[in-house]
N, C-alpha and C. Protein backbone atom coordinates (compact mmCIF):
# COMPACT_ATOMS: atom_id res chain seq x y z
N MET A 1 -32.29 22.15 -29.28
CA MET A 1 -31.15 23.02 -28.95
C MET A 1 -31.38 23.53 -27.73
N LEU A 2 -30.03 23.71 -26.98
CA LEU A 2 -30.13 24.15 -25.62
C LEU A 2 -30.00 25.48 -25.63
N SER A 3 -30.74 26.06 -24.40
CA SER A 3 -30.73 27.45 -24.32
C SER A 3 -29.30 27.83 -23.64
N ASP A 4 -29.11 29.16 -23.83
CA ASP A 4 -27.73 29.55 -23.04
C ASP A 4 -27.77 29.33 -21.50
N SER A 5 -28.85 29.35 -20.82
CA SER A 5 -28.74 28.99 -19.54
C SER A 5 -28.61 27.51 -19.32
N SER A 6 -29.09 26.56 -20.02
CA SER A 6 -28.85 25.18 -19.88
C SER A 6 -27.50 24.78 -20.29
N LYS A 7 -26.83 25.57 -21.04
CA LYS A 7 -25.46 25.04 -21.58
C LYS A 7 -24.59 25.26 -20.23
N HIS A 8 -24.80 26.18 -19.37
CA HIS A 8 -23.99 26.56 -18.11
C HIS A 8 -24.31 25.29 -17.19
N LEU A 9 -25.40 24.42 -17.32
CA LEU A 9 -25.72 23.39 -16.15
C LEU A 9 -25.11 22.12 -16.79
N GLU A 10 -24.33 22.02 -17.95
CA GLU A 10 -23.74 20.80 -18.36
C GLU A 10 -22.74 20.48 -17.36
N VAL A 11 -22.56 19.12 -17.05
CA VAL A 11 -21.64 18.64 -16.11
C VAL A 11 -20.97 17.51 -16.78
N GLN A 12 -19.47 17.69 -16.61
CA GLN A 12 -18.69 16.58 -17.21
C GLN A 12 -18.73 15.22 -16.23
N VAL A 13 -19.02 14.14 -16.81
CA VAL A 13 -19.14 13.01 -16.09
C VAL A 13 -17.92 11.95 -16.44
N GLY A 14 -17.55 11.03 -15.59
CA GLY A 14 -16.60 10.23 -15.88
C GLY A 14 -17.26 8.70 -16.45
N PRO A 15 -16.26 7.65 -16.53
CA PRO A 15 -16.99 6.40 -17.05
C PRO A 15 -18.09 5.84 -16.52
N SER A 16 -18.36 5.94 -15.43
CA SER A 16 -19.62 5.34 -14.64
C SER A 16 -20.64 6.44 -14.65
N GLY A 17 -20.66 7.48 -15.33
CA GLY A 17 -21.53 8.61 -15.29
C GLY A 17 -21.70 9.38 -13.88
N ARG A 18 -20.60 9.42 -13.12
CA ARG A 18 -20.62 10.22 -11.85
C ARG A 18 -20.09 11.61 -12.58
N ALA A 19 -20.47 12.69 -11.63
CA ALA A 19 -20.02 13.81 -12.03
C ALA A 19 -18.57 14.00 -11.76
N MET A 20 -17.92 14.86 -12.57
CA MET A 20 -16.70 14.96 -12.46
C MET A 20 -16.24 16.39 -12.47
N ALA A 21 -15.43 16.89 -11.34
CA ALA A 21 -15.15 18.19 -11.07
C ALA A 21 -13.91 18.59 -12.04
N GLU A 22 -13.00 17.75 -12.14
CA GLU A 22 -11.76 18.08 -12.80
C GLU A 22 -11.30 16.62 -13.55
N SER A 23 -11.07 16.64 -14.77
CA SER A 23 -10.51 15.40 -15.52
C SER A 23 -9.10 15.03 -14.98
N MET A 24 -8.81 13.64 -15.13
CA MET A 24 -7.39 13.38 -14.76
C MET A 24 -6.65 13.16 -15.80
N ASP A 25 -5.42 13.55 -15.79
CA ASP A 25 -4.51 13.19 -16.89
C ASP A 25 -4.35 11.79 -17.05
N PRO A 26 -4.33 11.16 -18.34
CA PRO A 26 -4.34 9.92 -18.54
C PRO A 26 -3.22 9.05 -18.04
N ALA A 27 -1.88 9.62 -17.95
CA ALA A 27 -0.89 8.97 -17.55
C ALA A 27 -1.02 8.90 -15.89
N LEU A 28 -1.36 9.92 -15.33
CA LEU A 28 -1.62 9.86 -13.92
C LEU A 28 -2.58 8.90 -13.48
N LEU A 29 -3.85 8.82 -14.14
CA LEU A 29 -4.97 7.90 -14.03
C LEU A 29 -4.25 6.38 -14.13
N GLU A 30 -3.45 6.33 -15.24
CA GLU A 30 -2.88 4.96 -15.33
C GLU A 30 -2.12 4.78 -14.12
N GLY A 31 -1.26 5.47 -13.60
CA GLY A 31 -0.42 5.41 -12.40
C GLY A 31 -1.20 4.98 -11.13
N PHE A 32 -2.40 5.67 -11.01
CA PHE A 32 -3.30 5.46 -9.94
C PHE A 32 -3.83 4.21 -9.93
N GLN A 33 -4.25 3.72 -11.18
CA GLN A 33 -4.71 2.23 -11.32
C GLN A 33 -3.64 1.30 -11.11
N ALA A 34 -2.54 1.32 -11.40
CA ALA A 34 -1.37 0.54 -11.09
C ALA A 34 -1.31 0.44 -9.63
N HIS A 35 -1.27 1.57 -8.97
CA HIS A 35 -0.87 1.63 -7.71
C HIS A 35 -2.14 1.01 -6.83
N PHE A 36 -3.40 1.07 -7.34
CA PHE A 36 -4.59 0.39 -6.67
C PHE A 36 -4.30 -0.99 -6.52
N ASN A 37 -3.83 -1.48 -7.72
CA ASN A 37 -3.56 -3.08 -7.88
C ASN A 37 -2.29 -3.38 -7.00
N MET A 38 -1.41 -2.47 -6.99
CA MET A 38 -0.16 -2.85 -6.23
C MET A 38 -0.54 -3.31 -4.81
N GLU A 39 -1.30 -2.23 -4.40
CA GLU A 39 -1.74 -2.39 -2.97
C GLU A 39 -2.52 -3.53 -2.60
N ARG A 40 -3.31 -3.92 -3.58
CA ARG A 40 -4.07 -5.33 -3.56
C ARG A 40 -3.10 -6.53 -3.67
N GLN A 41 -2.06 -6.35 -4.32
CA GLN A 41 -1.00 -7.37 -4.43
C GLN A 41 -0.21 -7.41 -3.22
N ALA A 42 -0.02 -6.50 -2.45
CA ALA A 42 0.84 -6.23 -1.21
C ALA A 42 -0.16 -6.83 -0.04
N HIS A 43 -1.36 -6.65 -0.26
CA HIS A 43 -2.28 -7.62 0.72
C HIS A 43 -2.16 -9.05 0.71
N ALA A 44 -2.23 -9.43 -0.70
CA ALA A 44 -1.95 -10.83 -0.84
C ALA A 44 -0.64 -11.41 -0.44
N THR A 45 0.36 -10.77 -0.55
CA THR A 45 1.78 -10.91 -0.17
C THR A 45 1.70 -11.26 1.27
N TYR A 46 1.18 -10.03 2.05
CA TYR A 46 1.07 -10.28 3.48
C TYR A 46 0.27 -11.34 4.18
N PHE A 47 -0.78 -11.30 3.58
CA PHE A 47 -1.59 -12.42 4.07
C PHE A 47 -1.05 -13.84 3.90
N GLY A 48 -0.40 -13.93 2.63
CA GLY A 48 0.46 -15.29 2.48
C GLY A 48 1.58 -15.40 3.59
N ALA A 49 2.08 -14.23 3.97
CA ALA A 49 3.28 -14.39 4.99
C ALA A 49 2.52 -14.47 6.35
N ALA A 50 1.54 -14.03 6.46
CA ALA A 50 0.62 -14.43 7.87
C ALA A 50 0.56 -15.83 8.04
N ILE A 51 0.13 -16.60 6.99
CA ILE A 51 -0.23 -18.06 6.81
C ILE A 51 1.00 -18.66 7.18
N TRP A 52 2.13 -18.18 6.63
CA TRP A 52 3.64 -18.96 6.43
C TRP A 52 4.00 -18.85 7.86
N MET A 53 3.78 -17.79 8.44
CA MET A 53 4.26 -17.62 9.83
C MET A 53 3.41 -18.31 10.75
N GLY A 54 2.17 -18.58 10.74
CA GLY A 54 1.25 -19.24 11.38
C GLY A 54 1.52 -20.76 11.34
N GLU A 55 1.76 -21.17 10.17
CA GLU A 55 2.13 -22.65 10.14
C GLU A 55 3.46 -22.91 10.83
N ARG A 56 4.20 -22.05 11.18
CA ARG A 56 5.34 -22.25 11.92
C ARG A 56 5.35 -21.78 13.36
N GLU A 57 4.18 -21.65 13.80
CA GLU A 57 3.78 -21.33 15.21
C GLU A 57 4.28 -20.08 15.62
N LEU A 58 4.64 -19.06 14.71
CA LEU A 58 5.05 -17.77 14.96
C LEU A 58 4.07 -16.80 15.08
N ARG A 59 3.39 -16.62 16.24
CA ARG A 59 2.15 -15.86 16.34
C ARG A 59 1.95 -14.53 16.28
N GLY A 60 3.25 -13.92 16.75
CA GLY A 60 3.63 -12.65 16.75
C GLY A 60 3.97 -12.20 15.23
N PHE A 61 4.61 -12.77 14.68
CA PHE A 61 4.71 -12.63 13.16
C PHE A 61 3.58 -12.63 12.32
N SER A 62 2.74 -13.90 12.59
CA SER A 62 1.51 -13.95 12.01
C SER A 62 0.71 -12.78 12.03
N LYS A 63 0.50 -12.46 13.36
CA LYS A 63 -0.26 -11.27 13.73
C LYS A 63 0.09 -10.01 12.98
N HIS A 64 1.46 -9.83 13.10
CA HIS A 64 2.06 -8.71 12.41
C HIS A 64 1.58 -8.51 10.99
N PHE A 65 1.88 -9.74 10.06
CA PHE A 65 1.33 -9.72 8.70
C PHE A 65 0.03 -9.67 8.50
N ASN A 66 -0.85 -10.17 9.35
CA ASN A 66 -2.32 -10.27 9.13
C ASN A 66 -2.61 -8.70 9.26
N ASP A 67 -2.17 -7.98 10.28
CA ASP A 67 -2.35 -6.65 10.43
C ASP A 67 -1.75 -5.67 9.24
N GLU A 68 -0.83 -6.18 8.58
CA GLU A 68 -0.29 -5.31 7.47
C GLU A 68 -1.13 -5.87 6.07
N ALA A 69 -1.46 -7.01 6.07
CA ALA A 69 -2.50 -7.20 5.08
C ALA A 69 -3.80 -6.36 5.06
N ARG A 70 -4.38 -6.44 6.22
CA ARG A 70 -5.46 -5.30 6.52
C ARG A 70 -5.19 -3.87 6.15
N GLY A 71 -4.01 -3.59 6.66
CA GLY A 71 -3.62 -2.22 6.30
C GLY A 71 -3.45 -1.97 4.71
N GLU A 72 -2.85 -2.98 4.05
CA GLU A 72 -2.83 -2.69 2.35
C GLU A 72 -4.18 -2.86 1.88
N GLN A 73 -5.09 -3.66 2.49
CA GLN A 73 -6.54 -3.63 1.97
C GLN A 73 -6.92 -2.37 2.02
N GLU A 74 -6.81 -1.72 3.25
CA GLU A 74 -7.34 -0.46 3.41
C GLU A 74 -6.82 0.67 2.74
N HIS A 75 -5.50 0.61 2.27
CA HIS A 75 -4.98 1.36 1.54
C HIS A 75 -5.50 1.45 -0.12
N ALA A 76 -5.62 0.19 -0.43
CA ALA A 76 -6.35 -0.03 -1.68
C ALA A 76 -7.71 0.60 -1.71
N ALA A 77 -8.45 0.32 -0.72
CA ALA A 77 -9.72 0.89 -0.68
C ALA A 77 -9.61 2.36 -0.60
N LYS A 78 -8.66 2.84 -0.13
CA LYS A 78 -8.73 4.52 -0.05
C LYS A 78 -8.23 5.11 -1.42
N VAL A 79 -7.39 4.19 -2.06
CA VAL A 79 -7.18 4.84 -3.41
C VAL A 79 -8.45 4.41 -4.21
N ALA A 80 -9.14 3.46 -4.27
CA ALA A 80 -10.40 3.17 -4.93
C ALA A 80 -11.48 4.39 -4.66
N ASP A 81 -11.41 4.63 -3.34
CA ASP A 81 -12.47 5.90 -2.92
C ASP A 81 -12.05 7.03 -3.66
N TYR A 82 -10.82 7.30 -3.82
CA TYR A 82 -10.13 8.56 -4.30
C TYR A 82 -10.47 8.58 -5.81
N LEU A 83 -10.45 7.47 -6.40
CA LEU A 83 -10.58 7.20 -8.00
C LEU A 83 -12.20 7.63 -8.18
N ILE A 84 -13.01 6.84 -7.29
CA ILE A 84 -14.27 7.31 -7.36
C ILE A 84 -14.91 8.47 -7.21
N ALA A 85 -14.15 9.18 -6.15
CA ALA A 85 -14.46 10.73 -5.87
C ALA A 85 -14.11 11.58 -7.14
N ARG A 86 -12.99 10.83 -7.89
CA ARG A 86 -12.58 11.84 -9.12
C ARG A 86 -13.39 11.24 -10.38
N ALA A 87 -14.51 10.63 -10.17
CA ALA A 87 -15.20 10.12 -11.30
C ALA A 87 -14.62 9.07 -12.01
N GLN A 88 -13.60 8.43 -11.55
CA GLN A 88 -12.91 7.35 -12.28
C GLN A 88 -13.35 5.90 -11.78
N SER A 89 -13.12 4.96 -12.66
CA SER A 89 -13.68 3.50 -12.05
C SER A 89 -12.45 2.73 -11.76
N PRO A 90 -12.21 2.33 -10.70
CA PRO A 90 -11.15 1.51 -10.17
C PRO A 90 -11.30 0.35 -11.10
N GLU A 91 -9.91 -0.24 -11.68
CA GLU A 91 -10.11 -1.26 -12.37
C GLU A 91 -9.20 -2.43 -11.75
N LEU A 92 -10.17 -3.52 -11.36
CA LEU A 92 -9.52 -4.54 -10.55
C LEU A 92 -9.03 -5.44 -11.75
N GLN A 93 -7.50 -5.81 -11.38
CA GLN A 93 -6.76 -6.64 -12.51
C GLN A 93 -6.34 -7.92 -11.55
N ALA A 94 -6.30 -9.06 -12.34
CA ALA A 94 -5.71 -10.19 -11.67
C ALA A 94 -4.72 -10.20 -10.79
N LEU A 95 -4.57 -10.69 -9.76
CA LEU A 95 -3.42 -10.72 -8.98
C LEU A 95 -2.55 -11.96 -9.27
N GLU A 96 -1.28 -11.92 -8.92
CA GLU A 96 -0.38 -13.16 -8.85
C GLU A 96 -0.55 -13.75 -7.65
N ALA A 97 -0.44 -15.26 -7.61
CA ALA A 97 -0.41 -15.82 -6.21
C ALA A 97 0.78 -15.38 -5.66
N PRO A 98 0.67 -14.98 -4.26
CA PRO A 98 2.01 -14.61 -3.72
C PRO A 98 2.70 -15.86 -3.51
N ASP A 99 4.04 -15.73 -3.61
CA ASP A 99 5.19 -16.62 -3.45
C ASP A 99 5.17 -17.02 -1.91
N GLN A 100 4.99 -18.29 -1.64
CA GLN A 100 4.97 -18.85 -0.15
C GLN A 100 6.13 -19.85 -0.10
N SER A 101 7.06 -19.84 -0.79
CA SER A 101 8.12 -20.66 -0.73
C SER A 101 9.40 -20.16 -0.05
N TRP A 102 9.03 -19.33 0.94
CA TRP A 102 10.26 -18.75 1.83
C TRP A 102 10.99 -20.00 2.54
N LYS A 103 12.17 -19.83 2.74
CA LYS A 103 13.00 -20.56 3.49
C LYS A 103 13.16 -20.40 4.88
N SER A 104 13.11 -19.17 5.03
CA SER A 104 13.15 -18.65 6.44
C SER A 104 12.62 -17.50 6.89
N VAL A 105 12.63 -17.03 8.10
CA VAL A 105 11.81 -15.85 8.64
C VAL A 105 12.50 -14.55 7.82
N LEU A 106 13.93 -14.80 7.76
CA LEU A 106 14.58 -13.54 6.94
C LEU A 106 14.16 -13.39 5.58
N ASP A 107 13.80 -14.54 4.88
CA ASP A 107 13.37 -14.30 3.66
C ASP A 107 11.87 -13.65 3.48
N VAL A 108 11.05 -13.90 4.53
CA VAL A 108 9.90 -13.34 4.68
C VAL A 108 10.10 -11.87 4.98
N MET A 109 10.81 -11.52 5.98
CA MET A 109 11.22 -10.08 6.08
C MET A 109 11.71 -9.26 5.02
N SER A 110 12.64 -10.09 4.25
CA SER A 110 13.19 -9.37 3.20
C SER A 110 12.08 -9.04 1.98
N THR A 111 11.12 -10.01 1.72
CA THR A 111 10.06 -9.68 0.93
C THR A 111 9.08 -8.26 1.58
N ALA A 112 8.95 -8.47 2.67
CA ALA A 112 8.19 -7.42 3.26
C ALA A 112 8.88 -6.00 3.04
N PHE A 113 10.22 -5.95 3.19
CA PHE A 113 10.87 -4.77 3.09
C PHE A 113 10.66 -4.27 1.63
N LEU A 114 11.08 -5.22 0.62
CA LEU A 114 11.17 -4.94 -0.65
C LEU A 114 9.59 -4.37 -1.23
N THR A 115 8.49 -5.04 -0.77
CA THR A 115 7.18 -4.70 -0.96
C THR A 115 7.08 -3.19 -0.42
N GLU A 116 7.36 -2.92 0.56
CA GLU A 116 7.30 -1.60 1.27
C GLU A 116 8.06 -0.65 0.57
N ARG A 117 9.23 -0.87 -0.16
CA ARG A 117 9.92 -0.15 -0.92
C ARG A 117 9.38 0.20 -1.99
N ASP A 118 8.71 -0.93 -2.88
CA ASP A 118 8.21 -0.66 -4.00
C ASP A 118 6.87 0.28 -4.07
N VAL A 119 6.16 0.08 -2.86
CA VAL A 119 4.84 0.88 -2.54
C VAL A 119 5.24 2.30 -2.44
N THR A 120 6.32 2.48 -1.80
CA THR A 120 6.92 3.95 -1.49
C THR A 120 7.22 4.51 -2.78
N THR A 121 8.11 3.66 -3.65
CA THR A 121 8.34 4.14 -4.87
C THR A 121 7.27 4.58 -5.83
N SER A 122 6.28 3.62 -5.66
CA SER A 122 5.16 3.83 -6.63
C SER A 122 4.34 5.07 -6.23
N LEU A 123 4.16 5.33 -4.84
CA LEU A 123 3.51 6.57 -4.50
C LEU A 123 4.32 7.92 -4.67
N GLN A 124 5.60 7.68 -4.59
CA GLN A 124 6.49 8.92 -4.67
C GLN A 124 6.40 9.35 -6.29
N GLN A 125 6.25 8.15 -7.16
CA GLN A 125 6.16 8.53 -8.82
C GLN A 125 4.83 9.09 -8.86
N LEU A 126 3.78 8.89 -8.23
CA LEU A 126 2.61 9.35 -8.54
C LEU A 126 2.48 10.73 -8.08
N LEU A 127 3.15 11.33 -6.87
CA LEU A 127 3.18 12.38 -6.40
C LEU A 127 3.85 13.38 -7.59
N VAL A 128 5.15 12.89 -7.93
CA VAL A 128 5.77 13.70 -8.98
C VAL A 128 5.09 13.89 -10.13
N GLU A 129 4.22 12.76 -10.69
CA GLU A 129 3.40 12.88 -11.97
C GLU A 129 2.16 14.09 -11.51
N ALA A 130 1.53 14.06 -10.47
CA ALA A 130 0.65 14.77 -10.16
C ALA A 130 1.13 16.19 -10.04
N GLU A 131 2.34 16.41 -9.51
CA GLU A 131 2.94 17.73 -9.54
C GLU A 131 3.23 18.20 -10.95
N ARG A 132 3.59 17.33 -11.80
CA ARG A 132 4.13 17.66 -13.19
C ARG A 132 2.76 18.19 -13.87
N VAL A 133 1.65 17.45 -13.86
CA VAL A 133 0.60 18.00 -14.60
C VAL A 133 -0.26 19.05 -13.97
N GLY A 134 0.07 19.12 -12.61
CA GLY A 134 -0.49 20.32 -11.92
C GLY A 134 -2.03 19.93 -11.34
N ASP A 135 -1.98 18.45 -10.99
CA ASP A 135 -3.25 18.13 -10.33
C ASP A 135 -3.14 18.27 -8.97
N SER A 136 -3.46 19.26 -8.41
CA SER A 136 -3.37 19.65 -6.95
C SER A 136 -4.46 18.71 -6.06
N ARG A 137 -5.45 18.33 -6.72
CA ARG A 137 -6.24 17.27 -5.77
C ARG A 137 -5.63 16.15 -5.53
N SER A 138 -4.81 15.72 -6.44
CA SER A 138 -4.17 14.41 -6.47
C SER A 138 -2.88 14.71 -5.55
N THR A 139 -2.28 15.71 -5.66
CA THR A 139 -0.98 16.25 -4.84
C THR A 139 -1.55 16.26 -3.19
N VAL A 140 -2.52 16.72 -2.97
CA VAL A 140 -3.02 16.85 -1.65
C VAL A 140 -3.64 15.52 -1.16
N PHE A 141 -4.16 14.67 -1.98
CA PHE A 141 -4.31 13.29 -1.67
C PHE A 141 -3.05 12.49 -1.04
N LEU A 142 -2.07 12.62 -2.17
CA LEU A 142 -0.81 11.81 -1.91
C LEU A 142 -0.04 12.08 -0.92
N GLU A 143 0.32 13.40 -0.79
CA GLU A 143 1.39 13.78 0.45
C GLU A 143 1.25 13.13 1.69
N PRO A 144 -0.05 12.93 2.22
CA PRO A 144 0.08 12.17 3.67
C PRO A 144 0.33 10.74 3.21
N MET A 145 -0.22 10.25 2.39
CA MET A 145 -0.05 8.66 1.97
C MET A 145 1.56 8.64 1.89
N VAL A 146 2.26 9.50 1.27
CA VAL A 146 3.74 9.10 1.01
C VAL A 146 4.56 9.31 2.26
N GLU A 147 4.05 10.25 3.17
CA GLU A 147 4.51 10.20 4.41
C GLU A 147 4.13 9.11 5.25
N GLN A 148 3.17 8.50 5.47
CA GLN A 148 2.67 7.35 5.99
C GLN A 148 3.48 6.05 5.39
N GLN A 149 3.70 6.12 4.13
CA GLN A 149 4.42 5.11 3.67
C GLN A 149 5.88 5.06 3.91
N ILE A 150 6.33 6.02 4.04
CA ILE A 150 7.93 6.22 4.27
C ILE A 150 8.22 5.67 5.81
N LYS A 151 7.34 5.93 6.70
CA LYS A 151 7.18 5.24 7.95
C LYS A 151 7.12 3.95 8.12
N ALA A 152 6.25 3.29 7.15
CA ALA A 152 5.93 1.83 7.10
C ALA A 152 7.34 1.27 6.45
N GLU A 153 7.86 1.94 5.59
CA GLU A 153 9.19 1.48 4.89
C GLU A 153 10.17 1.16 6.04
N HIS A 154 10.32 2.26 6.85
CA HIS A 154 11.35 2.48 8.06
C HIS A 154 11.03 1.25 8.98
N GLU A 155 9.87 0.98 9.28
CA GLU A 155 9.60 -0.01 10.14
C GLU A 155 9.86 -1.43 9.52
N ALA A 156 9.59 -1.61 8.21
CA ALA A 156 9.96 -2.83 7.68
C ALA A 156 11.54 -3.13 7.73
N ALA A 157 12.30 -1.88 7.41
CA ALA A 157 13.71 -1.96 7.36
C ALA A 157 14.14 -2.47 8.84
N HIS A 158 13.52 -1.89 9.87
CA HIS A 158 13.86 -2.02 11.23
C HIS A 158 13.69 -3.67 11.49
N LEU A 159 12.42 -4.01 11.06
CA LEU A 159 12.02 -5.54 11.37
C LEU A 159 13.07 -6.34 10.72
N LEU A 160 13.32 -5.95 9.36
CA LEU A 160 14.45 -6.86 8.59
C LEU A 160 15.69 -6.96 9.47
N GLY A 161 16.13 -5.74 9.85
CA GLY A 161 17.47 -5.65 10.40
C GLY A 161 17.56 -6.54 11.88
N ARG A 162 16.30 -6.38 12.62
CA ARG A 162 16.22 -7.15 13.86
C ARG A 162 16.44 -8.49 13.61
N THR A 163 15.52 -9.17 12.48
CA THR A 163 15.45 -10.34 11.87
C THR A 163 16.90 -11.02 11.39
N ARG A 164 17.64 -9.96 10.69
CA ARG A 164 18.85 -10.36 10.37
C ARG A 164 20.02 -10.44 11.56
N PHE A 165 19.78 -9.68 12.53
CA PHE A 165 20.67 -9.74 13.58
C PHE A 165 20.43 -10.78 14.57
N ALA A 166 19.08 -11.38 14.39
CA ALA A 166 18.78 -12.56 15.34
C ALA A 166 19.59 -13.85 14.60
N ASP A 167 19.98 -13.59 13.26
CA ASP A 167 20.81 -14.61 12.53
C ASP A 167 20.42 -16.36 12.61
N GLY A 168 18.77 -16.45 12.50
CA GLY A 168 18.24 -17.80 12.66
C GLY A 168 18.31 -18.27 13.87
N GLN A 169 18.62 -17.79 15.03
CA GLN A 169 18.71 -18.39 16.44
C GLN A 169 17.43 -18.42 16.87
N ALA A 170 16.75 -19.67 17.23
CA ALA A 170 15.37 -19.64 17.49
C ALA A 170 15.13 -18.68 18.66
N ALA A 171 15.88 -18.64 19.89
CA ALA A 171 15.67 -17.82 20.82
C ALA A 171 15.28 -16.41 20.49
N ALA A 172 16.21 -15.73 19.54
CA ALA A 172 16.11 -14.57 19.35
C ALA A 172 14.94 -14.38 18.32
N VAL A 173 14.67 -15.30 17.47
CA VAL A 173 13.51 -15.04 16.62
C VAL A 173 12.19 -14.80 17.62
N LEU A 174 12.26 -15.82 18.73
CA LEU A 174 11.04 -15.81 19.56
C LEU A 174 11.06 -14.47 20.19
N VAL A 175 12.13 -13.94 20.53
CA VAL A 175 11.93 -12.78 21.36
C VAL A 175 11.14 -11.48 20.22
N ILE A 176 11.52 -11.58 19.08
CA ILE A 176 10.99 -10.80 18.21
C ILE A 176 9.57 -10.96 18.04
N ASP A 177 9.33 -12.36 17.81
CA ASP A 177 7.77 -12.85 17.80
C ASP A 177 7.11 -12.37 18.95
N ASN A 178 7.59 -12.46 20.10
CA ASN A 178 6.78 -11.95 21.30
C ASN A 178 6.46 -10.44 21.00
N GLU A 179 7.65 -9.64 20.86
CA GLU A 179 7.41 -8.32 20.56
C GLU A 179 6.20 -7.96 19.57
N LEU A 180 6.15 -8.83 18.44
CA LEU A 180 5.36 -8.55 17.63
C LEU A 180 3.91 -8.86 17.89
N ARG A 181 3.71 -9.89 18.81
CA ARG A 181 2.45 -10.26 19.45
C ARG A 181 1.92 -9.09 20.21
N GLU A 182 2.96 -8.51 20.97
CA GLU A 182 2.46 -7.46 21.71
C GLU A 182 2.32 -6.02 20.90
N GLY A 183 2.36 -6.11 19.67
CA GLY A 183 2.21 -4.89 18.93
C GLY A 183 3.52 -3.99 18.70
N VAL A 184 4.63 -4.46 19.04
CA VAL A 184 5.76 -3.59 19.22
C VAL A 184 6.69 -3.86 17.79
N ALA A 185 6.57 -3.03 17.07
CA ALA A 185 7.31 -3.31 15.81
C ALA A 185 7.95 -2.02 15.17
N HIS A 186 8.07 -1.00 15.97
CA HIS A 186 8.54 0.29 15.47
C HIS A 186 10.11 0.36 15.90
N PRO A 187 10.89 1.23 15.12
CA PRO A 187 12.22 1.27 15.39
C PRO A 187 12.61 2.34 16.53
N ALA A 188 13.63 2.38 17.02
CA ALA A 188 13.87 3.25 18.17
C ALA A 188 13.89 4.48 17.49
N GLN A 189 13.67 5.57 18.40
CA GLN A 189 13.50 6.92 18.02
C GLN A 189 14.50 7.68 18.84
N LEU A 190 15.10 8.56 18.29
CA LEU A 190 16.26 9.43 18.87
C LEU A 190 15.66 10.80 19.37
N GLN A 191 14.27 11.10 19.02
CA GLN A 191 14.00 12.47 19.54
C GLN A 191 12.99 12.19 20.52
């Protein structure tokens, strides 16, 4: 039998035995697990795009997508770190092989935009769920991620628009490729 003083020392733990300050709502946890794996899938998609571009001698596009792949891997790691900090175990799920059957640079850029759109939607849904269940820890974690993701989506839309405007013309695609090799991928800013 525990004494009254030792009852106050009981600490709730997560699945791995790590101390837990506050449990997570099951639906929110499920959403975080899904998002963690979505970021991993985005990494695979972008790495596939980097390979596809490299095979076509588009060094700037290849560099851009390799950088994007690393960024998605970092985002997955950030979510994993957060889950661990919340005493949860990140669940690695099997990834699908990325589709590399693109027919054009425009197809790849369309895939990139749709990937960013889906990641943005996932983060926004997580934030809404965190607010709904009153999980302020998750809200504080997610708000800057949503803001950063909206910028990434904007950049993807910009690059898709530039590629669409190039209309498959080799010289125009090479101009964009050169810009990406130099690290210029951001949209015009009016402020």
